[in-house]
C-alpha atoms as a PDB file:
ATOM      1  CA  MET A   1     110.063  84.899  89.734  1.00  0.00           C
ATOM      2  CA  ALA A   2     109.489  81.257  87.830  1.00  0.00           C
ATOM      3  CA  LEU A   3     106.310  79.178  88.258  1.00  0.00           C
ATOM      4  CA  PRO A   4     105.915  77.046  90.900  1.00  0.00           C
ATOM      5  CA  TYR A   5     104.653  73.792  89.404  1.00  0.00           C
ATOM      6  CA  PRO A   6     101.517  71.435  90.661  1.00  0.00           C
ATOM      7  CA  GLY A   7     104.989  68.318  91.279  1.00  0.00           C
ATOM      8  CA  ASP A   8     106.989  71.093  93.685  1.00  0.00           C
ATOM      9  CA  THR A   9     106.951  71.019  97.369  1.00  0.00           C
ATOM     10  CA  ILE A  10     104.351  74.899  96.435  1.00  0.00           C
ATOM     11  CA  GLY A  11     101.830  72.554  94.388  1.00  0.00           C
ATOM     12  CA  GLN A  12     102.227  70.479  96.838  1.00  0.00           C
ATOM     13  CA  ARG A  13     100.722  72.372  99.037  1.00  0.00           C
ATOM     14  CA  ILE A  14      98.325  74.212  97.651  1.00  0.00           C
ATOM     15  CA  SER A  15      96.838  70.249  96.869  1.00  0.00           C
ATOM     16  CA  GLU A  16      96.585  69.418 100.220  1.00  0.00           C
ATOM     17  CA  ALA A  17      94.792  72.875 101.225  1.00  0.00           C
ATOM     18  CA  LEU A  18      92.527  71.305  97.717  1.00  0.00           C
ATOM     19  CA  PHE A  19      92.086  68.544  99.105  1.00  0.00           C
ATOM     20  CA  ALA A  20      90.590  68.751 102.562  1.00  0.00           C
ATOM     21  CA  ASP A  21      87.978  70.938 101.541  1.00  0.00           C
ATOM     22  CA  TYR A  22      86.674  68.798  98.432  1.00  0.00           C
ATOM     23  CA  ALA A  23      86.555  65.558 101.729  1.00  0.00           C
ATOM     24  CA  GLU A  24      85.220  68.384 103.564  1.00  0.00           C
ATOM     25  CA  ALA A  25      82.683  68.543 101.021  1.00  0.00           C
ATOM     26  CA  ASN A  26      82.237  65.473 100.000  1.00  0.00           C
ATOM     27  CA  VAL A  27      83.011  65.557  97.433  1.00  0.00           C
ATOM     28  CA  GLN A  28      85.528  63.647  94.756  1.00  0.00           C
ATOM     29  CA  PRO A  29      88.322  65.436  93.328  1.00  0.00           C
ATOM     30  CA  ASN A  30      87.717  66.160  90.063  1.00  0.00           C
ATOM     31  CA  SER A  31      89.287  68.073  86.702  1.00  0.00           C
ATOM     32  CA  GLY A  32      87.995  71.537  88.887  1.00  0.00           C
ATOM     33  CA  MET A  33      90.731  71.742  90.597  1.00  0.00           C
ATOM     34  CA  GLY A  34      93.275  72.332  88.609  1.00  0.00           C
ATOM     35  CA  VAL A  35      91.661  75.917  88.341  1.00  0.00           C
ATOM     36  CA  TRP A  36      92.020  77.533  91.755  1.00  0.00           C
ATOM     37  CA  LEU A  37      95.043  75.522  91.653  1.00  0.00           C
ATOM     38  CA  TRP A  38      96.753  77.225  89.059  1.00  0.00           C
ATOM     39  CA  ARG A  39      94.681  80.931  90.053  1.00  0.00           C
ATOM     40  CA  CYS A  40      96.752  79.787  93.165  1.00  0.00           C
ATOM     41  CA  ALA A  41     100.162  79.036  91.194  1.00  0.00           C
ATOM     42  CA  TRP A  42     100.198  82.109  88.938  1.00  0.00           C
ATOM     43  CA  ASP A  43      98.965  84.840  91.705  1.00  0.00           C
ATOM     44  CA  ILE A  44     102.378  82.917  93.860  1.00  0.00           C
ATOM     45  CA  GLY A  45     104.270  83.349  90.854  1.00  0.00           C
ATOM     46  CA  GLN A  46     103.891  87.461  90.623  1.00  0.00           C
ATOM     47  CA  ASN A  47     103.759  88.473  94.704  1.00  0.00           C
ATOM     48  CA  GLY A  48     105.640  84.713  96.697  1.00  0.00           C
ATOM     49  CA  ASP A  49     103.220  84.865  99.067  1.00  0.00           C
ATOM     50  CA  VAL A  50     102.006  81.057  99.857  1.00  0.00           C
ATOM     51  CA  GLU A  51     100.452  81.257 102.601  1.00  0.00           C
ATOM     52  CA  GLN A  52      98.382  84.713 102.080  1.00  0.00           C
ATOM     53  CA  THR A  53      97.808  83.958  98.236  1.00  0.00           C
ATOM     54  CA  ILE A  54      96.325  79.648  99.029  1.00  0.00           C
ATOM     55  CA  ALA A  55      93.647  81.543 102.579  1.00  0.00           C
ATOM     56  CA  LYS A  56      92.645  84.162  99.806  1.00  0.00           C
ATOM     57  CA  HIS A  57      91.830  81.711  96.777  1.00  0.00           C
ATOM     58  CA  ARG A  58      90.382  78.966  99.389  1.00  0.00           C
ATOM     59  CA  ARG A  59      87.124  81.308  99.827  1.00  0.00           C
ATOM     60  CA  GLU A  60      86.723  81.607  97.092  1.00  0.00           C
ATOM     61  CA  TRP A  61      87.155  78.345  96.445  1.00  0.00           C
ATOM     62  CA  ARG A  62      85.188  77.057  99.600  1.00  0.00           C
ATOM     63  CA  LEU A  63      82.015  79.073  98.765  1.00  0.00           C
ATOM     64  CA  ALA A  64      81.666  76.872  95.797  1.00  0.00           C
ATOM     65  CA  LEU A  65      81.708  73.820  97.822  1.00  0.00           C
ATOM     66  CA  GLY A  66      79.477  75.247 100.206  1.00  0.00           C
ATOM     67  CA  LEU A  67      81.520  75.100 103.026  1.00  0.00           C
ATOM     68  CA  THR A  68      81.857  78.172 105.053  1.00  0.00           C
ATOM     69  CA  ASN A  69      85.318  80.417 105.328  1.00  0.00           C
ATOM     70  CA  PRO A  70      88.599  78.381 106.807  1.00  0.00           C
ATOM     71  CA  ASN A  71      90.300  80.674 108.314  1.00  0.00           C
ATOM     72  CA  GLN A  72      87.849  82.140 110.571  1.00  0.00           C
ATOM     73  CA  PRO A  73      89.233  81.515 114.160  1.00  0.00           C
ATOM     74  CA  THR A  74      86.343  80.376 116.893  1.00  0.00           C
ATOM     75  CA  SER A  75      87.304  83.857 118.217  1.00  0.00           C
ATOM     76  CA  MET A  76      88.786  86.801 117.340  1.00  0.00           C
ATOM     77  CA  ARG A  77      88.737  88.283 120.455  1.00  0.00           C
ATOM     78  CA  LEU A  78      91.667  90.141 121.514  1.00  0.00           C
ATOM     79  CA  HIS A  79      92.361  91.303 125.752  1.00  0.00           C
ATOM     80  CA  ILE A  80      95.581  93.305 127.163  1.00  0.00           C
ATOM     81  CA  GLU A  81      98.337  92.386 128.607  1.00  0.00           C
ATOM     82  CA  GLY A  82     100.312  95.275 130.447  1.00  0.00           C
ATOM     83  CA  ARG A  83     101.891  97.332 126.766  1.00  0.00           C
ATOM     84  CA  ARG A  84     100.771  93.906 124.273  1.00  0.00           C
ATOM     85  CA  PHE A  85      97.086  92.888 122.634  1.00  0.00           C
ATOM     86  CA  VAL A  86      97.189  89.270 122.868  1.00  0.00           C
ATOM     87  CA  ASP A  87      95.198  86.899 121.456  1.00  0.00           C
ATOM     88  CA  GLU A  88      92.550  83.828 123.301  1.00  0.00           C
ATOM     89  CA  ALA A  89      95.648  81.360 123.349  1.00  0.00           C
ATOM     90  CA  GLY A  90      98.020  83.434 124.753  1.00  0.00           C
ATOM     91  CA  SER A  91      99.893  85.165 122.040  1.00  0.00           C
ATOM     92  CA  GLU A  92     100.865  88.385 121.015  1.00  0.00           C
ATOM     93  CA  TRP A  93      98.880  90.150 118.492  1.00  0.00           C
ATOM     94  CA  VAL A  94     100.941  92.773 116.560  1.00  0.00           C
ATOM     95  CA  TRP A  95      99.150  95.681 114.743  1.00  0.00           C
ATOM     96  CA  LYS A  96      99.288  95.975 111.742  1.00  0.00           C
ATOM     97  CA  GLY A  97      96.901  98.650 110.411  1.00  0.00           C
ATOM     98  CA  THR A  98      95.763 100.969 107.029  1.00  0.00           C
ATOM     99  CA  THR A  99      94.285 103.427 107.134  1.00  0.00           C
ATOM    100  CA  ASP A 100      91.629 103.051 104.965  1.00  0.00           C
ATOM    101  CA  PHE A 101      88.561 106.372 105.851  1.00  0.00           C
ATOM    102  CA  LEU A 102      86.184 105.731 103.371  1.00  0.00           C
ATOM    103  CA  LEU A 103      85.904 102.060 102.874  1.00  0.00           C
ATOM    104  CA  GLY A 104      82.478 101.638 105.818  1.00  0.00           C
ATOM    105  CA  HIS A 105      81.830 104.848 103.405  1.00  0.00           C
ATOM    106  CA  ARG A 106      81.901 102.891  99.696  1.00  0.00           C
ATOM    107  CA  LEU A 107      80.922 100.049 101.491  1.00  0.00           C
ATOM    108  CA  ALA A 108      77.064 101.849 101.883  1.00  0.00           C
ATOM    109  CA  ASN A 109      76.710 103.259  99.359  1.00  0.00           C
ATOM    110  CA  GLY A 110      76.818 100.299  97.431  1.00  0.00           C
ATOM    111  CA  GLU A 111      79.914  99.990  95.992  1.00  0.00           C
ATOM    112  CA  ASN A 112      82.658  96.458  96.334  1.00  0.00           C
ATOM    113  CA  ILE A 113      85.329  96.800  98.001  1.00  0.00           C
ATOM    114  CA  THR A 114      87.285  93.889  98.197  1.00  0.00           C
ATOM    115  CA  PRO A 115      88.982  94.744  96.111  1.00  0.00           C
ATOM    116  CA  ILE A 116      90.286  97.156  98.545  1.00  0.00           C
ATOM    117  CA  ILE A 117      90.778  94.927 100.666  1.00  0.00           C
ATOM    118  CA  GLU A 118      92.685  92.611  99.813  1.00  0.00           C
ATOM    119  CA  GLN A 119      94.916  94.292  98.274  1.00  0.00           C
ATOM    120  CA  ARG A 120      95.847  95.824 102.247  1.00  0.00           C
ATOM    121  CA  MET A 121      95.833  92.368 103.247  1.00  0.00           C
ATOM    122  CA  ALA A 122      98.469  90.649 100.809  1.00  0.00           C
ATOM    123  CA  ALA A 123     100.734  93.056 101.595  1.00  0.00           C
ATOM    124  CA  GLY A 124      99.944  92.726 106.054  1.00  0.00           C
ATOM    125  CA  ALA A 125      97.748  94.993 106.606  1.00  0.00           C
ATOM    126  CA  ASN A 126      95.153  93.024 109.657  1.00  0.00           C
ATOM    127  CA  VAL A 127      93.704  96.186 111.081  1.00  0.00           C
ATOM    128  CA  PHE A 128      90.913  98.782 108.380  1.00  0.00           C
ATOM    129  CA  ARG A 129      91.087 102.735 110.815  1.00  0.00           C
ATOM    130  CA  VAL A 130      88.197 104.078 109.431  1.00  0.00           C
ATOM    131  CA  LEU A 131      85.914 107.109 110.050  1.00  0.00           C
ATOM    132  CA  GLY A 132      82.141 106.823 111.332  1.00  0.00           C
ATOM    133  CA  MET A 133      81.256 110.632 110.136  1.00  0.00           C
ATOM    134  CA  ALA A 134      83.149 113.008 108.123  1.00  0.00           C
ATOM    135  CA  HIS A 135      82.693 116.608 106.792  1.00  0.00           C
ATOM    136  CA  ASN A 136      86.120 117.360 104.554  1.00  0.00           C
ATOM    137  CA  ILE A 137      87.229 114.694 102.643  1.00  0.00           C
ATOM    138  CA  ALA A 138      83.802 113.401 102.436  1.00  0.00           C
ATOM    139  CA  ASP A 139      80.283 114.326 103.733  1.00  0.00           C
ATOM    140  CA  PHE A 140      78.451 111.265 105.965  1.00  0.00           C
ATOM    141  CA  ILE A 141      77.070 110.056 108.925  1.00  0.00           C
ATOM    142  CA  LEU A 142      77.663 105.893 109.370  1.00  0.00           C
ATOM    143  CA  GLY A 143      74.806 103.749 110.553  1.00  0.00           C
ATOM    144  CA  TRP A 144      75.531 101.198 112.758  1.00  0.00           C
ATOM    145  CA  VAL A 145      73.687  98.306 110.345  1.00  0.00           C
ATOM    146  CA  GLY A 146      76.435  98.975 107.478  1.00  0.00           C
ATOM    147  CA  LEU A 147      79.129  99.173 110.687  1.00  0.00           C
ATOM    148  CA  VAL A 148      78.478  96.322 111.824  1.00  0.00           C
ATOM    149  CA  ASN A 149      77.873  94.806 108.342  1.00  0.00           C
ATOM    150  CA  LEU A 150      81.414  96.208 107.505  1.00  0.00           C
ATOM    151  CA  ALA A 151      82.615  93.865 110.547  1.00  0.00           C
ATOM    152  CA  GLY A 152      81.176  91.027 109.706  1.00  0.00           C
ATOM    153  CA  LEU A 153      82.714  91.380 106.047  1.00  0.00           C
ATOM    154  CA  LEU A 154      86.089  92.272 107.796  1.00  0.00           C
ATOM    155  CA  ARG A 155      85.705  88.977 109.701  1.00  0.00           C
ATOM    156  CA  THR A 156      85.458  86.529 106.912  1.00  0.00           C
ATOM    157  CA  TYR A 157      89.037  87.644 106.517  1.00  0.00           C
ATOM    158  CA  ASN A 158      90.300  87.659 109.898  1.00  0.00           C
ATOM    159  CA  ALA A 159      90.367  91.331 109.529  1.00  0.00           C
ATOM    160  CA  TYR A 160      89.679  93.447 112.801  1.00  0.00           C
ATOM    161  CA  LEU A 161      87.407  97.083 112.831  1.00  0.00           C
ATOM    162  CA  GLU A 162      89.192  99.759 113.811  1.00  0.00           C
ATOM    163  CA  LEU A 163      86.024 102.689 113.770  1.00  0.00           C
ATOM    164  CA  THR A 164      86.803 106.198 114.879  1.00  0.00           C
ATOM    165  CA  VAL A 165      83.812 107.465 116.064  1.00  0.00           C
ATOM    166  CA  PHE A 166      83.902 111.129 115.641  1.00  0.00           C
ATOM    167  CA  ALA A 167      85.577 113.162 112.895  1.00  0.00           C
ATOM    168  CA  ASP A 168      84.648 116.681 112.005  1.00  0.00           C
ATOM    169  CA  ALA A 169      82.693 117.002 114.900  1.00  0.00           C
ATOM    170  CA  GLN A 170      82.209 120.314 115.038  1.00  0.00           C
ATOM    171  CA  TYR A 171      80.546 120.317 111.778  1.00  0.00           C
ATOM    172  CA  LYS A 172      78.402 116.910 111.568  1.00  0.00           C
ATOM    173  CA  MET A 173      77.193 116.637 115.565  1.00  0.00           C
ATOM    174  CA  PRO A 174      78.698 119.925 117.712  1.00  0.00           C
ATOM    175  CA  SER A 175      76.567 119.527 120.168  1.00  0.00           C
ATOM    176  CA  GLN A 176      78.019 117.328 123.191  1.00  0.00           C
ATOM    177  CA  LEU A 177      75.052 115.898 124.548  1.00  0.00           C
ATOM    178  CA  ASP A 178      74.779 114.664 120.545  1.00  0.00           C
ATOM    179  CA  GLN A 179      77.954 113.456 120.803  1.00  0.00           C
ATOM    180  CA  ARG A 180      76.966 110.862 123.991  1.00  0.00           C
ATOM    181  CA  THR A 181      74.327 109.505 122.680  1.00  0.00           C
ATOM    182  CA  HIS A 182      76.141 108.119 118.993  1.00  0.00           C
ATOM    183  CA  PHE A 183      78.811 107.034 121.146  1.00  0.00           C
ATOM    184  CA  ASP A 184      76.308 104.136 123.458  1.00  0.00           C
ATOM    185  CA  LEU A 185      75.285 103.886 119.927  1.00  0.00           C
ATOM    186  CA  ALA A 186      78.248 102.558 118.207  1.00  0.00           C
ATOM    187  CA  VAL A 187      79.130 100.780 121.683  1.00  0.00           C
ATOM    188  CA  ALA A 188      75.531  98.920 121.580  1.00  0.00           C
ATOM    189  CA  ALA A 189      75.516  98.226 117.970  1.00  0.00           C
ATOM    190  CA  LEU A 190      79.130  96.610 118.105  1.00  0.00           C
ATOM    191  CA  ARG A 191      79.803  95.384 121.094  1.00  0.00           C
ATOM    192  CA  ASN A 192      79.496  91.820 120.322  1.00  0.00           C
ATOM    193  CA  GLU A 193      81.412  92.115 117.287  1.00  0.00           C
ATOM    194  CA  PRO A 194      84.455  90.403 118.055  1.00  0.00           C
ATOM    195  CA  ASN A 195      86.956  92.044 115.592  1.00  0.00           C
ATOM    196  CA  VAL A 196      86.139  95.779 116.402  1.00  0.00           C
ATOM    197  CA  PHE A 197      88.200  98.454 118.035  1.00  0.00           C
ATOM    198  CA  LEU A 198      86.991 102.002 118.931  1.00  0.00           C
ATOM    199  CA  GLU A 199      88.824 105.371 118.698  1.00  0.00           C
ATOM    200  CA  LEU A 200      86.801 107.741 119.938  1.00  0.00           C
ATOM    201  CA  VAL A 201      88.431 110.811 118.239  1.00  0.00           C
ATOM    202  CA  ASN A 202      90.189 111.331 115.249  1.00  0.00           C
ATOM    203  CA  GLU A 203      92.785 114.629 116.547  1.00  0.00           C
ATOM    204  CA  TYR A 204      90.311 115.420 119.036  1.00  0.00           C
ATOM    205  CA  PRO A 205      92.118 119.576 119.916  1.00  0.00           C
ATOM    206  CA  GLN A 206      90.838 119.426 116.418  1.00  0.00           C
ATOM    207  CA  ASN A 207      88.197 117.639 115.634  1.00  0.00           C
ATOM    208  CA  GLY A 208      84.745 119.340 117.526  1.00  0.00           C
ATOM    209  CA  VAL A 209      85.267 116.608 121.124  1.00  0.00           C
ATOM    210  CA  SER A 210      86.417 117.303 124.440  1.00  0.00           C
ATOM    211  CA  PRO A 211      87.617 113.598 125.343  1.00  0.00           C
ATOM    212  CA  ALA A 212      86.931 113.859 129.105  1.00  0.00           C
ATOM    213  CA  GLY A 213      82.983 113.992 129.032  1.00  0.00           C
ATOM    214  CA  PHE A 214      83.110 110.273 127.812  1.00  0.00           C
ATOM    215  CA  ILE A 215      83.208 107.168 129.745  1.00  0.00           C
ATOM    216  CA  ALA A 216      85.246 104.278 129.059  1.00  0.00           C
ATOM    217  CA  PRO A 217      83.733 101.926 127.514  1.00  0.00           C
ATOM    218  CA  HIS A 218      84.492  97.793 129.032  1.00  0.00           C
ATOM    219  CA  GLU A 219      82.988  96.360 126.535  1.00  0.00           C
ATOM    220  CA  LEU A 220      85.000  96.546 123.312  1.00  0.00           C
ATOM    221  CA  LEU A 221      88.966  97.986 123.104  1.00  0.00           C
ATOM    222  CA  ALA A 222      88.494 101.254 123.281  1.00  0.00           C
ATOM    223  CA  ALA A 223      91.192 104.407 122.456  1.00  0.00           C
ATOM    224  CA  GLN A 224      89.839 107.567 124.366  1.00  0.00           C
ATOM    225  CA  GLY A 225      91.314 109.766 120.866  1.00  0.00           C
ATOM    226  CA  SER A 226      94.769 110.780 119.819  1.00  0.00           C
ATOM    227  CA  GLY A 227      96.667 114.307 119.626  1.00  0.00           C
ATOM    228  CA  LEU A 228      97.807 116.164 116.877  1.00  0.00           C
ATOM    229  CA  GLY A 229     101.290 115.661 115.256  1.00  0.00           C
ATOM    230  CA  ASP A 230     104.281 115.214 117.682  1.00  0.00           C
ATOM    231  CA  ARG A 231     101.112 116.031 120.782  1.00  0.00           C
ATOM    232  CA  GLY A 232      99.670 113.561 123.508  1.00  0.00           C
ATOM    233  CA  PRO A 233      96.479 111.386 123.294  1.00  0.00           C
ATOM    234  CA  ALA A 234      93.214 111.793 125.312  1.00  0.00           C
ATOM    235  CA  TRP A 235      94.955 111.851 129.037  1.00  0.00           C
ATOM    236  CA  PRO A 236      95.228 109.289 130.799  1.00  0.00           C
ATOM    237  CA  GLY A 237      93.830 107.330 128.178  1.00  0.00           C
ATOM    238  CA  TRP A 238      91.930 103.703 127.875  1.00  0.00           C
ATOM    239  CA  SER A 239      92.507 101.141 126.329  1.00  0.00           C
ATOM    240  CA  TYR A 240      94.891 101.379 124.183  1.00  0.00           C
ATOM    241  CA  HIS A 241      96.878 104.855 122.667  1.00  0.00           C
ATOM    242  CA  THR A 242      96.884 106.386 119.843  1.00  0.00           C
ATOM    243  CA  PHE A 243     100.175 108.755 118.815  1.00  0.00           C
ATOM    244  CA  HIS A 244     100.135 110.495 116.005  1.00  0.00           C
ATOM    245  CA  GLU A 245     104.409 111.403 115.571  1.00  0.00           C
ATOM    246  CA  ARG A 246     105.809 114.618 113.680  1.00  0.00           C
ATOM    247  CA  ARG A 247     106.785 114.489 109.760  1.00  0.00           C
ATOM    248  CA  ASP A 248     109.558 116.106 110.148  1.00  0.00           C
ATOM    249  CA  TRP A 249     113.282 114.662 110.012  1.00  0.00           C
ATOM    250  CA  PRO A 250     114.086 113.733 112.701  1.00  0.00           C
ATOM    251  CA  LYS A 251     111.136 112.859 113.973  1.00  0.00           C
ATOM    252  CA  VAL A 252     109.606 111.339 111.572  1.00  0.00           C
ATOM    253  CA  ILE A 253     111.021 108.370 112.626  1.00  0.00           C
ATOM    254  CA  GLY A 254     112.402 109.969 115.769  1.00  0.00           C
ATOM    255  CA  ALA A 255     108.858 109.930 117.969  1.00  0.00           C
ATOM    256  CA  ALA A 256     108.119 106.121 118.648  1.00  0.00           C
ATOM    257  CA  VAL A 257     110.560 107.291 122.080  1.00  0.00           C
ATOM    258  CA  ASP A 258     107.915 109.542 123.189  1.00  0.00           C
ATOM    259  CA  GLY A 259     105.291 106.719 122.351  1.00  0.00           C
ATOM    260  CA  PHE A 260     106.897 105.223 124.784  1.00  0.00           C
ATOM    261  CA  ASP A 261     107.487 106.937 127.576  1.00  0.00           C
ATOM    262  CA  ILE A 262     103.538 106.882 127.080  1.00  0.00           C
ATOM    263  CA  SER A 263     102.434 103.593 126.991  1.00  0.00           C
ATOM    264  CA  THR A 264     104.933 102.564 129.792  1.00  0.00           C
ATOM    265  CA  GLY A 265     103.555 105.724 132.675  1.00  0.00           C
ATOM    266  CA  LEU A 266     106.645 107.454 132.022  1.00  0.00           C
ATOM    267  CA  PRO A 267     105.874 111.701 132.043  1.00  0.00           C
ATOM    268  CA  TYR A 268     104.684 112.786 128.957  1.00  0.00           C
ATOM    269  CA  PHE A 269     105.900 116.980 128.211  1.00  0.00           C
ATOM    270  CA  GLU A 270     103.582 119.302 127.028  1.00  0.00           C
ATOM    271  CA  ASN A 271     104.099 122.756 126.731  1.00  0.00           C
ATOM    272  CA  GLY A 272     105.699 122.155 130.077  1.00  0.00           C
ATOM    273  CA  VAL A 273     103.163 120.420 131.968  1.00  0.00           C
ATOM    274  CA  ALA A 274     103.955 116.580 132.833  1.00  0.00           C
ATOM    275  CA  ARG A 275     101.423 114.095 132.558  1.00  0.00           C
ATOM    276  CA  VAL A 276     101.547 110.343 133.311  1.00  0.00           C
ATOM    277  CA  TYR A 277      99.494 108.347 130.923  1.00  0.00           C
ATOM    278  CA  LYS A 278      97.588 105.025 131.126  1.00  0.00           C
ATOM    279  CA  VAL A 279     100.059 102.441 130.571  1.00  0.00           C
ATOM    280  CA  ALA A 280      98.424 100.507 127.627  1.00  0.00           C
ATOM    281  CA  PRO A 281      99.911  99.477 124.076  1.00  0.00           C
ATOM    282  CA  ILE A 282     100.494 102.245 122.395  1.00  0.00           C
ATOM    283  CA  VAL A 283      99.248 102.161 117.755  1.00  0.00           C
ATOM    284  CA  PHE A 284     100.890 105.148 116.127  1.00  0.00           C
ATOM    285  CA  ASP A 285      99.099 105.470 113.490  1.00  0.00           C
ATOM    286  CA  GLU A 286      99.358 108.953 111.823  1.00  0.00           C
ATOM    287  CA  GLY A 287     102.670 108.790 111.228  1.00  0.00           C
ATOM    288  CA  ILE A 288     104.496 110.963 107.493  1.00  0.00           C
ATOM    289  CA  GLY A 289     102.282 109.004 104.641  1.00  0.00           C
ATOM    290  CA  PHE A 290     103.142 107.577 102.088  1.00  0.00           C
ATOM    291  CA  ALA A 291     101.856 108.853  98.314  1.00  0.00           C
ATOM    292  CA  GLU A 292     103.238 107.845  94.731  1.00  0.00           C
ATOM    293  CA  PHE A 293     104.201 111.444  94.389  1.00  0.00           C
ATOM    294  CA  ASP A 294     107.564 112.689  97.604  1.00  0.00           C
ATOM    295  CA  GLN A 295     105.444 115.921  99.315  1.00  0.00           C
ATOM    296  CA  PRO A 296     108.256 117.061 102.149  1.00  0.00           C
ATOM    297  CA  GLY A 297     107.111 116.758 105.625  1.00  0.00           C
ATOM    298  CA  ARG A 298     104.092 115.429 104.792  1.00  0.00           C
ATOM    299  CA  ARG A 299     103.748 112.168 102.009  1.00  0.00           C
ATOM    300  CA  SER A 300     106.961 110.213 101.015  1.00  0.00           C
ATOM    301  CA  THR A 301     107.749 107.531  98.086  1.00  0.00           C
ATOM    302  CA  ASP A 302     110.503 105.505 100.356  1.00  0.00           C
ATOM    303  CA  SER A 303     110.557 102.309 101.391  1.00  0.00           C
ATOM    304  CA  ARG A 304     113.124 101.831 103.737  1.00  0.00           C
ATOM    305  CA  LEU A 305     112.075 105.216 105.592  1.00  0.00           C
ATOM    306  CA  ALA A 306     108.653 102.931 105.985  1.00  0.00           C
ATOM    307  CA  ARG A 307     110.275  99.683 106.830  1.00  0.00           C
ATOM    308  CA  LEU A 308     112.641 102.151 109.719  1.00  0.00           C
ATOM    309  CA  MET A 309     109.496 103.986 110.477  1.00  0.00           C
ATOM    310  CA  ALA A 310     107.549 101.118 111.672  1.00  0.00           C
ATOM    311  CA  LEU A 311     110.529  98.954 112.757  1.00  0.00           C
ATOM    312  CA  SER A 312     110.389 101.170 115.392  1.00  0.00           C
ATOM    313  CA  TYR A 313     106.814 101.317 116.065  1.00  0.00           C
ATOM    314  CA  ARG A 314     106.902  97.611 116.846  1.00  0.00           C
ATOM    315  CA  LEU A 315     110.303  98.436 119.388  1.00  0.00           C
ATOM    316  CA  LEU A 316     108.536 100.353 120.868  1.00  0.00           C
ATOM    317  CA  GLY A 317     104.725 100.059 120.800  1.00  0.00           C
ATOM    318  CA  ALA A 318     102.461  97.106 120.088  1.00  0.00           C
ATOM    319  CA  GLY A 319     102.664  98.109 115.767  1.00  0.00           C
ATOM    320  CA  GLY A 320     101.188 100.628 113.589  1.00  0.00           C
ATOM    321  CA  THR A 321      99.128 101.657 110.733  1.00  0.00           C
ATOM    322  CA  PHE A 322     100.762 102.490 107.576  1.00  0.00           C
ATOM    323  CA  HIS A 323      98.937 106.612 106.567  1.00  0.00           C
ATOM    324  CA  SER A 324      98.385 106.121 102.699  1.00  0.00           C
ATOM    325  CA  GLU A 325      97.380 109.201 100.590  1.00  0.00           C
ATOM    326  CA  ALA A 326      95.021 106.793  98.253  1.00  0.00           C
ATOM    327  CA  GLY A 327      94.084 105.066 101.862  1.00  0.00           C
ATOM    328  CA  LEU A 328      92.442 109.326 102.845  1.00  0.00           C
ATOM    329  CA  ARG A 329      89.758 107.865  99.994  1.00  0.00           C
ATOM    330  CA  SER A 330      89.940 103.932 100.114  1.00  0.00           C
ATOM    331  CA  GLU A 331      91.616 104.050  96.752  1.00  0.00           C
ATOM    332  CA  LEU A 332      93.581 100.631  95.551  1.00  0.00           C
ATOM    333  CA  TRP A 333      96.833 102.639  96.031  1.00  0.00           C
ATOM    334  CA  GLY A 334      99.826 103.034  93.257  1.00  0.00           C
ATOM    335  CA  PRO A 335     102.217 100.376  92.859  1.00  0.00           C
ATOM    336  CA  ILE A 336     104.805 103.685  94.431  1.00  0.00           C
ATOM    337  CA  GLN A 337     102.655 102.711  98.369  1.00  0.00           C
ATOM    338  CA  GLN A 338     101.863  98.928  97.960  1.00  0.00           C
ATOM    339  CA  GLN A 339     105.845  98.556  98.042  1.00  0.00           C
ATOM    340  CA  CYS A 340     105.737 101.007 100.818  1.00  0.00           C
ATOM    341  CA  ALA A 341     103.287  98.786 102.580  1.00  0.00           C
ATOM    342  CA  VAL A 342     104.918  96.076 101.998  1.00  0.00           C
ATOM    343  CA  GLU A 343     108.103  97.194 103.739  1.00  0.00           C
ATOM    344  CA  PHE A 344     106.057  98.518 106.604  1.00  0.00           C
ATOM    345  CA  TYR A 345     103.568  94.846 107.274  1.00  0.00           C
ATOM    346  CA  ARG A 346     107.636  93.943 107.224  1.00  0.00           C
ATOM    347  CA  GLY A 347     109.407  96.081 110.027  1.00  0.00           C
ATOM    348  CA  LEU A 348     106.521  94.284 111.812  1.00  0.00           C
ATOM    349  CA  GLN A 349     106.899  90.831 112.107  1.00  0.00           C
END
């Protein structure tokens, strides 16, 4: 792809943003502007995404000018209308998630997580799915101060945090009384964060939590918890549902129909029992994952499949989460995972 030059349309778009910020800072344009212009132009030449690249670098140059983040909305609060997430302007908001289980853990350990955030967002993500505790892939329970800091950092990128409060709870917190206290503290700590979703538990049948023992928080949009692959989520559901479909053909793409039934309140049959769920948005957040090498029935390298899955999520639900091998530990995607992610988010447009 040829590099755009300052005199063309892309160069004019970058210059408009630069001049507006220099004027806001009451600073005269100077030769330093060229650094930011060419950084943007170079990145656009690599990835082709004009507005996302400008937004990325604009955070940097506004920080250098002593200005606030221009992409920070007046409010990131969402609400629910039927089966849709809706922003405060009344427009539909589509869930474009990324599995990043250890993002909070890495931040708490003092690691620089901005390259991970920026890679995911450059591909198209707007929600980071993060574990609040774990025992198997890592061993931790996150503190609330760290989670508030993570929410704040993501907010500067106009991104959302989905905190899965419980995972491996049978090891980390087996007492239901302790779990209830822990959940109440999570709600109290995050209730004022406008960019936070809560998921009570990941795959509740195998993670030591009984969702029926918890009350839905009214302060935050929250899911009662996902079930195992190709099984219904916790019943009857809270603000929104999270659904894990099967990873073998043809269910790898066909299970979105089951999610549609759940979100619309149609009877969902499991083990011969019909359950009717609350009408609510459904998020498909852990289908087949993507990796640098194929693992049949578990991981794929096929970007066409990624896009096809996302198209079904957009058609039949409220969006979905890109699940990846690198995302399990919040590591940078390799080139195959990144291409699959780009196609996945294109399918959610």
